Protein backbone atom coordinates (compact mmCIF):
# COMPACT_ATOMS: atom_id res chain seq x y z
CA UNK A 1 -15.61 -20.32 0.41
CA UNK A 2 -17.79 -18.12 -2.68
CA UNK A 3 -20.02 -20.21 -4.31
CA UNK A 4 -22.30 -18.92 -6.82
CA UNK A 5 -25.75 -19.71 -4.98
CA UNK A 6 -24.36 -17.77 -1.68
CA UNK A 7 -26.03 -14.38 -0.53
CA UNK A 8 -22.59 -12.95 -1.00
CA UNK A 9 -21.97 -13.66 -4.13
CA UNK A 10 -25.57 -12.97 -5.66
CA UNK A 11 -25.09 -9.51 -3.69
CA UNK A 12 -22.12 -8.85 -5.49
CA UNK A 13 -22.56 -8.26 -9.17
CA UNK A 14 -25.36 -5.60 -8.16
CA UNK A 15 -22.98 -3.86 -5.78
CA UNK A 16 -22.45 -0.76 -7.74
CA UNK A 17 -26.42 0.00 -8.65
CA UNK A 18 -27.45 -0.82 -4.80
CA UNK A 19 -25.28 1.71 -3.19
CA UNK A 20 -22.81 0.67 -0.28
CA UNK A 21 -25.93 1.45 2.60
CA UNK A 22 -28.44 -0.86 1.03
CA UNK A 23 -25.98 -3.46 0.54
CA UNK A 24 -24.64 -3.16 4.35
CA UNK A 25 -27.57 -3.72 5.53
CA UNK A 26 -28.28 -7.02 3.19
CA UNK A 27 -24.64 -8.57 4.16
CA UNK A 28 -25.89 -7.59 7.86
CA UNK A 29 -28.06 -10.66 8.50
CA UNK A 30 -25.71 -12.87 7.62
CA UNK A 31 -23.37 -14.74 10.09
CA UNK A 32 -21.47 -17.58 10.74
CA UNK A 33 -18.88 -19.10 12.70
CA UNK A 34 -14.85 -18.55 12.17
CA UNK A 35 -13.95 -21.49 10.06
CA UNK A 36 -11.93 -24.16 12.03
CA UNK A 37 -10.24 -24.99 8.48
CA UNK A 38 -8.53 -21.41 8.50
CA UNK A 39 -6.53 -21.30 11.44
CA UNK A 40 -2.75 -21.97 11.49
CA UNK A 41 -1.88 -24.66 13.58
CA UNK A 42 1.48 -25.03 12.09
CA UNK A 43 3.83 -22.39 10.25
CA UNK A 44 7.03 -23.45 8.68
CA UNK A 45 10.29 -21.46 9.56
CA UNK A 46 9.20 -20.47 13.42
CA UNK A 47 11.80 -22.34 15.76
CA UNK A 48 8.32 -22.22 18.34
CA UNK A 49 4.69 -21.71 17.29
CA UNK A 50 3.21 -18.24 18.41
CA UNK A 51 1.01 -17.92 21.44
CA UNK A 52 -1.21 -15.89 19.41
CA UNK A 53 -4.02 -17.16 17.52
CA UNK A 54 -3.74 -16.28 13.49
CA UNK A 55 -5.74 -17.58 10.37
CA UNK A 56 -5.44 -18.00 6.36
CA UNK A 57 -8.00 -19.01 3.42
CA UNK A 58 -10.22 -16.72 1.34
CA UNK A 59 -12.59 -14.39 1.29
CA UNK A 60 -14.88 -13.62 -1.28
CA UNK A 61 -15.19 -10.21 -3.00
CA UNK A 62 -18.22 -10.73 -5.47
CA UNK A 63 -18.73 -14.17 -7.89
CA UNK A 64 -15.95 -15.74 -8.90
CA UNK A 65 -13.26 -13.72 -6.85
CA UNK A 66 -11.16 -15.29 -4.19
CA UNK A 67 -8.98 -12.93 -2.33
CA UNK A 68 -6.04 -14.37 0.28
CA UNK A 69 -5.94 -13.00 3.54
CA UNK A 70 -3.70 -14.00 6.79
CA UNK A 71 -4.97 -12.50 9.99
CA UNK A 72 -3.02 -12.56 12.97
CA UNK A 73 -4.74 -11.86 16.14
CA UNK A 74 -3.83 -9.28 18.54
CA UNK A 75 -0.96 -10.93 20.73
CA UNK A 76 -2.69 -9.65 24.06
CA UNK A 77 -6.79 -8.81 24.63
CA UNK A 78 -7.59 -9.56 20.87
CA UNK A 79 -11.66 -9.25 22.37
CA UNK A 80 -10.96 -5.46 22.77
CA UNK A 81 -8.38 -4.60 20.16
CA UNK A 82 -8.78 -2.26 17.17
CA UNK A 83 -9.06 -4.39 14.12
CA UNK A 84 -6.78 -3.27 11.31
CA UNK A 85 -7.07 -3.75 7.51
CA UNK A 86 -3.31 -3.75 5.40
CA UNK A 87 -3.33 -3.37 2.08
CA UNK A 88 0.34 -3.03 0.13
CA UNK A 89 0.05 -0.76 -3.26
CA UNK A 90 0.82 -1.79 -6.93
CA UNK A 91 -1.44 -1.77 -8.08
CA UNK A 92 -0.43 -5.09 -8.20
CA UNK A 93 1.70 -5.80 -5.58
CA UNK A 94 1.01 -8.60 -2.47
CA UNK A 95 0.34 -7.25 0.92
CA UNK A 96 2.35 -10.14 1.68
CA UNK A 97 5.52 -8.13 1.81
CA UNK A 98 3.99 -5.87 4.18
CA UNK A 99 3.57 -9.36 6.66
CA UNK A 100 6.93 -10.72 6.20
CA UNK A 101 8.92 -7.82 5.59
CA UNK A 102 7.45 -4.76 7.46
CA UNK A 103 5.40 -4.40 10.06
CA UNK A 104 3.89 -8.94 10.44
CA UNK A 105 4.82 -10.60 13.56
CA UNK A 106 7.23 -13.19 11.71
CA UNK A 107 10.03 -11.71 9.50
CA UNK A 108 11.78 -13.78 6.90
CA UNK A 109 15.26 -14.01 7.02
CA UNK A 110 17.50 -14.20 3.74
CA UNK A 111 17.58 -17.86 3.62
CA UNK A 112 14.19 -17.98 2.21
CA UNK A 113 13.29 -20.77 4.95
CA UNK A 114 13.39 -18.92 8.65
CA UNK A 115 10.92 -17.12 10.43
CA UNK A 116 12.15 -14.33 13.24
CA UNK A 117 10.00 -12.94 15.59
CA UNK A 118 9.10 -9.47 14.85
CA UNK A 119 9.45 -7.09 18.45
CA UNK A 120 7.82 -4.57 16.40
CA UNK A 121 4.94 -6.19 15.09
CA UNK A 122 1.65 -3.89 14.90
CA UNK A 123 -0.13 -7.02 16.34
CA UNK A 124 1.46 -6.28 19.49
CA UNK A 125 -1.65 -3.94 19.96
CA UNK A 126 -3.95 -4.71 17.21
CA UNK A 127 -5.96 -7.61 14.84
CA UNK A 128 -4.52 -7.44 11.60
CA UNK A 129 -5.67 -8.41 8.90
CA UNK A 130 -3.45 -8.82 5.62
CA UNK A 131 -5.49 -8.79 2.06
CA UNK A 132 -4.20 -9.86 -0.95
CA UNK A 133 -6.17 -7.18 -3.27
CA UNK A 134 -7.39 -7.20 -6.06
CA UNK A 135 -7.68 -11.01 -7.94
CA UNK A 136 -4.76 -11.92 -9.60
CA UNK A 137 -2.42 -10.71 -6.93
CA UNK A 138 -0.27 -13.04 -4.67
CA UNK A 139 -2.32 -15.95 -4.08
CA UNK A 140 -5.39 -14.39 -4.71
CA UNK A 141 -7.50 -15.37 -7.56
CA UNK A 142 -10.80 -15.17 -10.26
CA UNK A 143 -12.32 -18.45 -11.34
CA UNK A 144 -12.56 -16.57 -14.75
CA UNK A 145 -8.81 -16.18 -14.78
CA UNK A 146 -9.85 -12.81 -16.14
CA UNK A 147 -7.72 -9.92 -14.22
CA UNK A 148 -8.52 -6.52 -16.02
CA UNK A 149 -9.66 -4.67 -12.96
CA UNK A 150 -10.15 -0.64 -11.84
CA UNK A 151 -10.09 1.74 -8.83
CA UNK A 152 -13.97 1.41 -8.07
CA UNK A 153 -13.68 -2.33 -8.84
CA UNK A 154 -11.56 -2.58 -6.44
CA UNK A 155 -13.20 -0.69 -3.70
CA UNK A 156 -16.30 -2.13 -4.18
CA UNK A 157 -14.34 -5.58 -4.14
CA UNK A 158 -12.05 -4.78 -1.00
CA UNK A 159 -15.44 -3.82 1.00
CA UNK A 160 -17.28 -6.93 0.14
CA UNK A 161 -13.99 -9.01 1.22
CA UNK A 162 -14.12 -7.20 4.63
CA UNK A 163 -17.58 -7.59 5.46
CA UNK A 164 -17.39 -11.64 4.15
CA UNK A 165 -14.21 -11.84 6.62
CA UNK A 166 -16.72 -10.13 9.26
CA UNK A 167 -18.74 -12.88 8.84
CA UNK A 168 -16.14 -15.34 9.16
CA UNK A 169 -15.27 -13.87 12.50
CA UNK A 170 -18.34 -11.74 14.01
CA UNK A 171 -16.67 -11.24 16.93
CA UNK A 172 -14.68 -8.81 15.50
CA UNK A 173 -17.67 -6.82 14.32
CA UNK A 174 -18.18 -4.05 17.03
CA UNK A 175 -14.62 -3.87 17.34
CA UNK A 176 -13.21 -0.50 16.08
CA UNK A 177 -11.74 -0.32 12.74
CA UNK A 178 -9.07 1.51 10.61
CA UNK A 179 -8.09 1.06 7.13
CA UNK A 180 -4.33 1.33 6.41
CA UNK A 181 -1.82 0.95 3.66
CA UNK A 182 0.97 2.16 1.59
CA UNK A 183 1.76 3.25 -2.08
CA UNK A 184 -1.11 2.50 -4.35
CA UNK A 185 -3.09 2.31 -1.36
CA UNK A 186 -3.01 5.99 -0.99
CA UNK A 187 -5.82 5.46 -4.02
CA UNK A 188 -6.85 1.99 -2.43
CA UNK A 189 -7.43 3.35 1.40
CA UNK A 190 -9.67 6.49 0.69
CA UNK A 191 -11.67 4.63 -1.93
CA UNK A 192 -12.58 1.95 0.39
CA UNK A 193 -13.12 4.00 3.11
CA UNK A 194 -15.86 6.29 1.22
CA UNK A 195 -17.85 2.12 1.29
CA UNK A 196 -17.32 1.46 4.54
CA UNK A 197 -18.24 4.98 6.28
CA UNK A 198 -21.73 4.47 4.57
CA UNK A 199 -22.10 1.26 6.66
CA UNK A 200 -23.19 1.28 9.97
CA UNK A 201 -22.58 -1.63 10.78
CA UNK A 202 -18.96 -1.32 10.83
CA UNK A 203 -16.94 0.81 13.89
CA UNK A 204 -14.77 2.90 11.42
CA UNK A 205 -12.46 5.11 13.33
CA UNK A 206 -10.01 6.43 10.92
CA UNK A 207 -7.27 5.54 8.20
CA UNK A 208 -4.01 5.93 7.38
CA UNK A 209 -1.41 6.08 4.79
CA UNK A 210 2.11 5.44 4.34
CA UNK A 211 4.11 6.63 1.23
CA UNK A 212 0.44 7.08 -0.29
CA UNK A 213 -0.05 8.04 -3.88
CA UNK A 214 -2.69 10.80 -3.15
CA UNK A 215 -2.10 13.38 -6.38
CA UNK A 216 -0.20 12.15 -9.79
CA UNK A 217 0.24 15.89 -10.74
CA UNK A 218 1.33 17.01 -6.76
CA UNK A 219 3.51 13.94 -6.67
CA UNK A 220 5.16 14.56 -9.89
CA UNK A 221 6.06 18.14 -9.40
CA UNK A 222 7.61 17.77 -5.94
CA UNK A 223 10.13 15.16 -6.94
CA UNK A 224 11.83 17.33 -9.08
CA UNK A 225 12.14 19.39 -6.08
CA UNK A 226 12.97 16.65 -4.41
CA UNK A 227 15.84 15.63 -6.31
CA UNK A 228 17.06 18.78 -6.88
CA UNK A 229 17.90 19.24 -2.82
CA UNK A 230 19.06 16.16 -2.18
CA UNK A 231 22.02 17.02 -4.78
CA UNK A 232 20.65 14.81 -7.84
CA UNK A 233 20.23 17.15 -10.63
CA UNK A 234 22.99 19.77 -10.38
CA UNK A 235 22.34 23.60 -10.82
CA UNK A 236 22.66 23.36 -14.48
CA UNK A 237 19.74 21.36 -15.32
CA UNK A 238 17.76 22.65 -12.34
CA UNK A 239 18.36 26.12 -14.08
CA UNK A 240 17.10 24.54 -16.88
CA UNK A 241 14.09 23.14 -15.54
CA UNK A 242 13.00 26.49 -14.06
CA UNK A 243 13.46 28.06 -17.41
CA UNK A 244 11.51 26.10 -19.37
CA UNK A 245 9.30 24.55 -16.97
CA UNK A 246 7.94 27.94 -14.73
CA UNK A 247 6.29 30.75 -15.18
CA UNK A 248 5.00 33.25 -13.15
CA UNK A 249 6.64 31.43 -9.97
CA UNK A 250 4.47 28.36 -10.94
CA UNK A 251 6.50 25.22 -12.03
CA UNK A 252 4.44 22.14 -14.36
CA UNK A 253 6.53 19.02 -14.43
CA UNK A 254 3.48 17.12 -14.82
CA UNK A 255 2.38 17.64 -18.50
CA UNK A 256 4.10 20.43 -19.86
CA UNK A 257 3.90 20.81 -23.30
CA UNK A 258 6.66 22.86 -23.81
CA UNK A 259 9.04 20.79 -25.69
CA UNK A 260 12.45 21.99 -24.08
CA UNK A 261 10.92 21.33 -20.89
CA UNK A 262 9.87 17.82 -21.72
CA UNK A 263 14.18 17.01 -22.90
CA UNK A 264 14.72 18.23 -19.51
CA UNK A 265 12.10 15.85 -18.14
CA UNK A 266 13.43 13.42 -19.79
CA UNK A 267 17.10 13.98 -18.41
CA UNK A 268 15.63 14.12 -14.82
CA UNK A 269 13.60 11.07 -15.11
CA UNK A 270 17.49 9.22 -15.86
CA UNK A 271 18.79 10.46 -13.22
CA UNK A 272 16.03 9.87 -10.48
CA UNK A 273 14.70 6.57 -12.14
CA UNK A 274 16.64 4.96 -14.57
CA UNK A 275 20.16 5.21 -13.39
CA UNK A 276 20.55 2.85 -10.58
CA UNK A 277 19.37 5.05 -7.58
CA UNK A 278 17.10 2.78 -5.16
CA UNK A 279 13.84 4.96 -6.06
CA UNK A 280 12.28 3.15 -2.50
CA UNK A 281 15.25 5.00 -0.43
CA UNK A 282 17.54 7.53 -1.58
CA UNK A 283 20.16 6.15 0.99
CA UNK A 284 19.95 1.96 0.63
CA UNK A 285 21.91 0.39 -1.79
CA UNK A 286 20.45 -0.78 -5.01
CA UNK A 287 20.06 -4.65 -4.28
CA UNK A 288 21.77 -6.25 -7.34
CA UNK A 289 24.12 -3.43 -8.00
CA UNK A 290 23.82 -0.23 -10.60
CA UNK A 291 22.66 -2.06 -14.30
CA UNK A 292 25.17 -2.10 -17.17
CA UNK A 293 22.80 -1.43 -19.45
CA UNK A 294 19.23 -1.20 -18.62
CA UNK A 295 16.84 -2.80 -21.82
CA UNK A 296 13.82 -1.34 -23.34
CA UNK A 297 10.96 -2.20 -25.25
CA UNK A 298 10.01 1.02 -27.37
CA UNK A 299 10.28 3.63 -24.96
CA UNK A 300 9.59 1.18 -22.06
CA UNK A 301 12.26 0.43 -19.18
CA UNK A 302 12.79 -3.10 -18.44
CA UNK A 303 11.43 -3.46 -15.17
CA UNK A 304 8.51 -3.22 -12.32
CA UNK A 305 7.80 -0.64 -9.70
CA UNK A 306 5.96 -0.85 -6.46
CA UNK A 307 3.54 1.86 -7.33
CA UNK A 308 3.43 5.55 -8.32
CA UNK A 309 3.23 6.91 -11.83
CA UNK A 310 4.99 10.02 -13.11
CA UNK A 311 3.38 11.85 -16.70
CA UNK A 312 6.05 10.78 -19.40
CA UNK A 313 6.03 13.86 -22.18
CA UNK A 314 4.72 14.01 -24.99
CA UNK A 315 3.47 10.67 -24.84
CA UNK A 316 1.32 11.00 -21.99
CA UNK A 317 2.03 7.66 -20.45
CA UNK A 318 3.22 7.83 -16.86
CA UNK A 319 6.81 6.96 -16.67
CA UNK A 320 6.75 4.58 -13.85
CA UNK A 321 3.68 3.13 -15.45
CA UNK A 322 6.06 2.58 -18.92
CA UNK A 323 7.70 -0.05 -16.35
CA UNK A 324 5.21 -2.59 -16.62
CA UNK A 325 5.08 -2.30 -20.52
CA UNK A 326 6.89 -5.69 -20.68
CA UNK A 327 5.87 -8.36 -22.90
CA UNK A 328 4.84 -11.50 -21.11
CA UNK A 329 7.05 -13.65 -23.04
CA UNK A 330 9.95 -12.53 -21.61
CA UNK A 331 10.25 -14.70 -18.75
CA UNK A 332 13.28 -14.68 -17.81
CA UNK A 333 12.99 -10.79 -16.71
CA UNK A 334 12.97 -10.23 -13.33
CA UNK A 335 9.42 -8.94 -12.17
CA UNK A 336 10.82 -7.10 -8.68
CA UNK A 337 11.00 -3.92 -8.24
CA UNK A 338 13.74 -2.13 -8.94
CA UNK A 339 16.68 -2.30 -6.17
CA UNK A 340 14.64 -4.60 -4.26
CA UNK A 341 15.04 -8.69 -3.75
CA UNK A 342 12.02 -10.58 -2.90
CA UNK A 343 14.00 -14.15 -3.23
CA UNK A 344 13.53 -15.09 0.45
CA UNK A 345 9.48 -13.97 -0.07
CA UNK A 346 8.69 -15.77 -2.89
CA UNK A 347 11.06 -19.01 -1.86
CA UNK A 348 8.95 -19.01 1.30
CA UNK A 349 5.66 -18.37 0.08
CA UNK A 350 6.07 -20.81 -3.08
CA UNK A 351 7.47 -23.56 -0.57
CA UNK A 352 4.69 -26.59 -1.11
CA UNK A 353 4.86 -26.63 3.06
CA UNK A 354 4.15 -23.08 3.29
CA UNK A 355 0.89 -23.10 0.97
CA UNK A 356 -0.40 -26.00 2.12
CA UNK A 357 0.40 -24.59 6.26
CA UNK A 358 -1.45 -21.52 5.03
CA UNK A 359 -4.59 -23.40 3.07
CA UNK A 360 -3.58 -22.02 -0.30
CA UNK A 361 -6.04 -23.11 -3.32
CA UNK A 362 -4.68 -25.28 -5.79
CA UNK A 363 -6.41 -22.60 -8.54
CA UNK A 364 -3.85 -20.41 -7.20
CA UNK A 365 -0.88 -19.12 -9.24
CA UNK A 366 2.86 -19.00 -7.95
CA UNK A 367 3.38 -16.30 -5.34
CA UNK A 368 5.01 -13.27 -6.71
CA UNK A 369 5.77 -9.63 -4.95
CA UNK A 370 3.57 -7.78 -8.05
CA UNK A 371 1.69 -9.21 -10.82
CA UNK A 372 2.68 -7.90 -13.88
CA UNK A 373 -1.02 -9.03 -15.37
CA UNK A 374 -2.30 -7.00 -12.45
CA UNK A 375 -0.99 -4.01 -13.18
CA UNK A 376 -0.78 -3.94 -17.04
CA UNK A 377 -4.85 -4.31 -17.38
CA UNK A 378 -5.71 -1.93 -14.36
CA UNK A 379 -7.47 1.35 -15.07
CA UNK A 380 -6.54 4.19 -13.02
CA UNK A 381 -9.66 6.21 -12.36
CA UNK A 382 -8.58 8.98 -9.91
CA UNK A 383 -5.95 11.01 -10.26
CA UNK A 384 -6.23 12.87 -7.07
CA UNK A 385 -7.97 11.73 -3.82
CA UNK A 386 -8.81 15.21 -2.46
CA UNK A 387 -12.88 14.71 -2.66
CA UNK A 388 -12.09 11.02 -0.66
CA UNK A 389 -10.38 13.06 1.70
CA UNK A 390 -12.78 16.01 2.24
CA UNK A 391 -15.68 14.28 2.33
CA UNK A 392 -13.87 12.07 5.61
CA UNK A 393 -12.98 15.15 6.69
CA UNK A 394 -16.80 16.46 6.56
CA UNK A 395 -17.78 13.96 9.04
CA UNK A 396 -15.66 15.26 11.90
CA UNK A 397 -15.95 11.98 13.45
CA UNK A 398 -12.13 10.02 11.77
CA UNK A 399 -9.13 10.26 12.36
CA UNK A 400 -6.75 10.26 9.39
CA UNK A 401 -2.74 10.07 9.40
CA UNK A 402 -1.14 10.74 6.06
CA UNK A 403 3.16 10.05 6.83
CA UNK A 404 6.10 9.48 4.92
CA UNK A 405 9.53 8.02 5.29
CA UNK A 406 11.44 10.77 3.84
CA UNK A 407 14.61 9.22 1.59
CA UNK A 408 11.26 7.66 -0.76
CA UNK A 409 10.80 9.07 -4.48
CA UNK A 410 8.52 6.96 -5.67
CA UNK A 411 6.12 8.81 -3.47
CA UNK A 412 8.22 11.54 -2.06
CA UNK A 413 7.14 13.17 1.93
CA UNK A 414 7.11 16.54 -0.11
CA UNK A 415 4.56 15.66 -2.55
CA UNK A 416 2.24 14.23 0.34
CA UNK A 417 2.57 17.38 2.45
CA UNK A 418 1.40 19.78 -0.28
CA UNK A 419 -1.53 17.47 -0.55
CA UNK A 420 -2.27 17.23 2.92
CA UNK A 421 -2.14 21.30 3.11
CA UNK A 422 -4.16 21.12 -0.19
CA UNK A 423 -7.30 20.06 1.65
CA UNK A 424 -7.38 23.46 3.45
CA UNK A 425 -7.81 22.10 6.82
CA UNK A 426 -7.59 24.43 10.32
CA UNK A 427 -3.62 23.67 11.55
CA UNK A 428 -4.06 22.85 15.66
CA UNK A 429 -0.28 22.00 15.87
CA UNK A 430 2.23 24.03 13.82
CA UNK A 431 5.17 21.71 12.24
CA UNK A 432 7.59 20.17 15.14
CA UNK A 433 9.86 17.40 15.89
CA UNK A 434 8.16 14.23 17.27
CA UNK A 435 10.17 11.86 19.23
CA UNK A 436 10.61 8.39 20.13
CA UNK A 437 12.53 6.39 23.04
CA UNK A 438 15.32 4.22 21.76
CA UNK A 439 17.70 2.73 24.16
CA UNK A 440 16.53 4.50 26.76
CA UNK A 441 17.04 8.03 25.24
CA UNK A 442 14.56 10.16 23.50
CA UNK A 443 14.93 10.87 19.29
CA UNK A 444 13.62 12.96 16.64
CA UNK A 445 11.35 10.35 14.59
CA UNK A 446 10.61 12.94 12.13
CA UNK A 447 8.23 16.15 12.15
CA UNK A 448 4.26 16.47 12.44
CA UNK A 449 1.54 18.55 11.63
CA UNK A 450 -1.80 18.33 12.98
CA UNK A 451 -4.58 20.00 11.40
CA UNK A 452 -8.24 18.99 12.68
CA UNK A 453 -8.88 15.26 12.43
CA UNK A 454 -5.87 14.80 9.86
CA UNK A 455 -2.03 14.75 11.04
CA UNK A 456 1.02 14.66 8.18
CA UNK A 457 3.91 12.64 9.95
CA UNK A 458 7.50 12.34 8.24
CA UNK A 459 9.39 9.58 9.54
CA UNK A 460 13.78 10.12 9.32
CA UNK A 461 15.43 8.15 7.83
CA UNK A 462 12.91 5.61 6.01
CA UNK A 463 12.07 5.40 2.48
CA UNK A 464 8.92 3.81 0.72
CA UNK A 465 8.05 0.63 3.40
CA UNK A 466 8.64 2.83 6.20
CA UNK A 467 8.45 -0.15 9.16
CA UNK A 468 11.13 -2.13 7.07
CA UNK A 469 13.55 0.61 7.88
CA UNK A 470 12.57 2.35 10.91
CA UNK A 471 10.81 -0.23 12.84
CA UNK A 472 10.49 1.16 16.45
CA UNK A 473 9.71 4.60 14.95
CA UNK A 474 7.03 3.01 12.83
CA UNK A 475 5.84 1.19 15.81
CA UNK A 476 5.50 4.25 17.99
CA UNK A 477 3.66 6.15 15.29
CA UNK A 478 1.27 3.10 14.57
CA UNK A 479 0.55 3.09 18.40
CA UNK A 480 -0.37 6.78 18.88
CA UNK A 481 -2.26 6.81 15.83
CA UNK A 482 -5.04 3.58 17.31
CA UNK A 483 -4.65 4.95 20.95
CA UNK A 484 -5.67 8.40 19.54
CA UNK A 485 -2.38 9.67 21.82
CA UNK A 486 -0.94 12.63 21.12
CA UNK A 487 2.51 12.07 18.24
């Protein structure tokens, strides 16, 4: 599983000093057969068990770190299909949401008991590995029960877990490998890719990030424009924001020291974040309804989120990170991200029958969609991802997709488009609509702009969780990315 004496566990503590290449060479020599005890032979909630194989268990991510995974083989030709790693964000949110509510082969139904097959599952064309990371998230745990971590540790541990997976399943070690994720996966994926690209034993082909946090400053600044042009702020507030937060045709809504700007940003934050709008999909209803009165602890909104941050002036706290500063003693406060409902997901995954079917350790905690503890003690080390993307682009051999649902406010499309533009790559195809086929007719899926080895793509009408809102469009986009076909 991850015994202290195993070669992988012994390698982990010195990983940072050893470097990914040397570590990769060390781990390459390890090999073991896929564990028969990990295969899921009967999954509760299905009327018919799947024809493809799937596995659930734990991967070693360093000494005493056990990361839960759920791996689904491709529905046809798994031997020749690519291997795709998926990470949800937070930091502190579970990839089981990606599995059971976005693009996994089974979708949870409202009763919290039944699963339905997903017509647009990504494992129709790929082997997909869903990883709950870091330890403390979902069913993942650490033997020492200490869950404080940071971006660098998580990148290293995700790399170790991926290597451990390929020791368990060596038949996939030569398959094309893609790293994918969403939200705070915008940090997880590029930082993991830095490790993977230095390991010659891994066949990395590219990365895809959906509604990713790529730059705090750009995301903060773009969100104010997004809010105004979607009719949320009104002309008077917009005029004041321009007057107090902008000079020489450049606006700073991110960390402006002007007191008047600070006051107007508080109004903006109140509208966007605290009024009852669904921050993950502007045009979707807010599950649970608009709150009658929001509860605060000091300056902090008592709720939870999926993973973006806005600098709250003048305290210099990220405004969305403040959402997590809730006293642990308040057990009755829902830990769901605002306007989302994870009741069915929690019911299903915490069922004793399901835990048994998925080989969940008795040391694992009760499953929650997001871990308050992991988020609260998580140290964010990177404010932008430019260096990581430029390193990948500089290799001239990886393809990158940055995609956004265009009605998400947590990590809005405008900010990620500005971020991709800031990488200053050569434009290959000017911004244009991209099409997909639904009901025998071509429809506009969104817009795409292609540069050398990187594309920025929007999905029309989708929010933060693109495959949930636009499953067919998302599957079409994923298929073209994986197969290196024109968008």
